[in-house]
């Protein structure tokens, strides 16, 4: 049985900010492309090989960038909702 748990070594460089400019759709497309390659690499390379680790690191960074954008968007939406007056408050 093959494990799909992502294993990255501590020395794996990480830069989620590299993916910050991506839109949600671009993030999904790139994530699907990298995941496909990652699964193909796991069939050819040992799990802790350098190509496998590099792709796993990129996937982690891509997810971290998406999570940051999602949290920022959710916070902005909540702040906007709190700033709106209550319906019927001015009556």
Protein backbone atom coordinates (compact mmCIF):
# COMPACT_ATOMS: atom_id res chain seq x y z
CA UNK A 1 0.00 0.00 0.00
CA UNK A 2 1.29 3.44 -0.91
CA UNK A 3 0.97 6.31 1.53
CA UNK A 4 -0.17 9.69 0.21
CA UNK A 5 1.02 11.61 3.29
CA UNK A 6 3.28 14.47 2.28
CA UNK A 7 6.68 14.20 3.90
CA UNK A 8 9.05 17.14 3.61
CA UNK A 9 12.34 17.45 5.35
CA UNK A 10 12.95 20.44 7.63
CA UNK A 11 15.59 21.87 5.29
CA UNK A 12 13.07 22.06 2.43
CA UNK A 13 12.85 25.75 1.45
CA UNK A 14 9.45 27.34 1.87
CA UNK A 15 8.10 30.49 0.22
CA UNK A 16 4.28 30.65 0.14
CA UNK A 17 4.50 34.35 -0.83
CA UNK A 18 5.67 33.20 -4.26
CA UNK A 19 2.11 32.04 -4.96
CA UNK A 20 0.31 35.01 -3.32
CA UNK A 21 -0.47 36.82 -6.62
CA UNK A 22 -2.46 33.83 -7.95
CA UNK A 23 -6.23 33.99 -8.18
CA UNK A 24 -8.27 31.18 -6.62
CA UNK A 25 -8.84 29.60 -10.04
CA UNK A 26 -5.14 29.81 -10.94
CA UNK A 27 -4.28 28.26 -7.58
CA UNK A 28 -6.68 25.34 -8.22
CA UNK A 29 -5.30 24.73 -11.72
CA UNK A 30 -1.66 24.83 -10.59
CA UNK A 31 -2.49 22.65 -7.57
CA UNK A 32 -4.12 20.03 -9.80
CA UNK A 33 -1.15 20.09 -12.19
CA UNK A 34 1.44 19.79 -9.42
CA UNK A 35 -0.56 17.08 -7.62
CA UNK A 36 -0.75 15.05 -10.82
CA UNK A 37 3.01 15.32 -11.27
CA UNK A 38 3.59 14.54 -7.61
CA UNK A 39 1.61 11.29 -7.86
CA UNK A 40 3.48 10.34 -11.05
CA UNK A 41 6.81 11.08 -9.36
CA UNK A 42 5.87 8.89 -6.40
CA UNK A 43 5.49 5.98 -8.81
CA UNK A 44 8.97 6.50 -10.26
CA UNK A 45 11.09 8.00 -7.48
CA UNK A 46 11.50 6.87 -3.88
CA UNK A 47 9.33 8.98 -1.56
CA UNK A 48 12.17 11.00 -0.09
CA UNK A 49 13.98 11.65 -3.37
CA UNK A 50 14.83 15.22 -4.29
CA UNK A 51 12.27 15.66 -7.13
CA UNK A 52 9.51 14.27 -4.93
CA UNK A 53 10.47 16.55 -2.03
CA UNK A 54 10.64 19.63 -4.26
CA UNK A 55 7.16 19.03 -5.64
CA UNK A 56 5.78 18.26 -2.18
CA UNK A 57 7.32 21.51 -0.91
CA UNK A 58 5.74 23.49 -3.74
CA UNK A 59 2.35 21.94 -3.02
CA UNK A 60 2.67 22.87 0.66
CA UNK A 61 3.60 26.46 -0.27
CA UNK A 62 0.73 26.67 -2.75
CA UNK A 63 -1.72 25.49 -0.10
CA UNK A 64 -0.30 27.92 2.48
CA UNK A 65 -0.75 30.81 0.01
CA UNK A 66 -4.35 29.74 -0.67
CA UNK A 67 -5.06 29.43 3.05
CA UNK A 68 -3.67 32.93 3.71
CA UNK A 69 -5.75 34.43 0.90
CA UNK A 70 -8.86 32.60 2.13
CA UNK A 71 -8.38 33.77 5.72
CA UNK A 72 -7.79 37.37 4.58
CA UNK A 73 -10.90 37.24 2.42
CA UNK A 74 -13.00 35.78 5.24
CA UNK A 75 -11.73 38.44 7.66
CA UNK A 76 -12.52 41.24 5.17
CA UNK A 77 -16.02 39.86 4.60
CA UNK A 78 -16.68 39.61 8.33
CA UNK A 79 -15.37 43.14 8.89
CA UNK A 80 -17.62 44.47 6.11
CA UNK A 81 -20.63 42.69 7.61
CA UNK A 82 -19.93 44.18 11.03
CA UNK A 83 -19.59 47.67 9.54
CA UNK A 84 -23.02 47.53 7.87
CA UNK A 85 -25.89 49.00 9.89
CA UNK A 86 -28.54 46.65 11.19
CA UNK A 87 -31.62 46.48 8.95
CA UNK A 88 -34.36 48.64 10.44
CA UNK A 89 -31.99 50.32 12.91
CA UNK A 90 -32.69 53.78 11.50
CA UNK A 91 -36.47 53.56 11.94
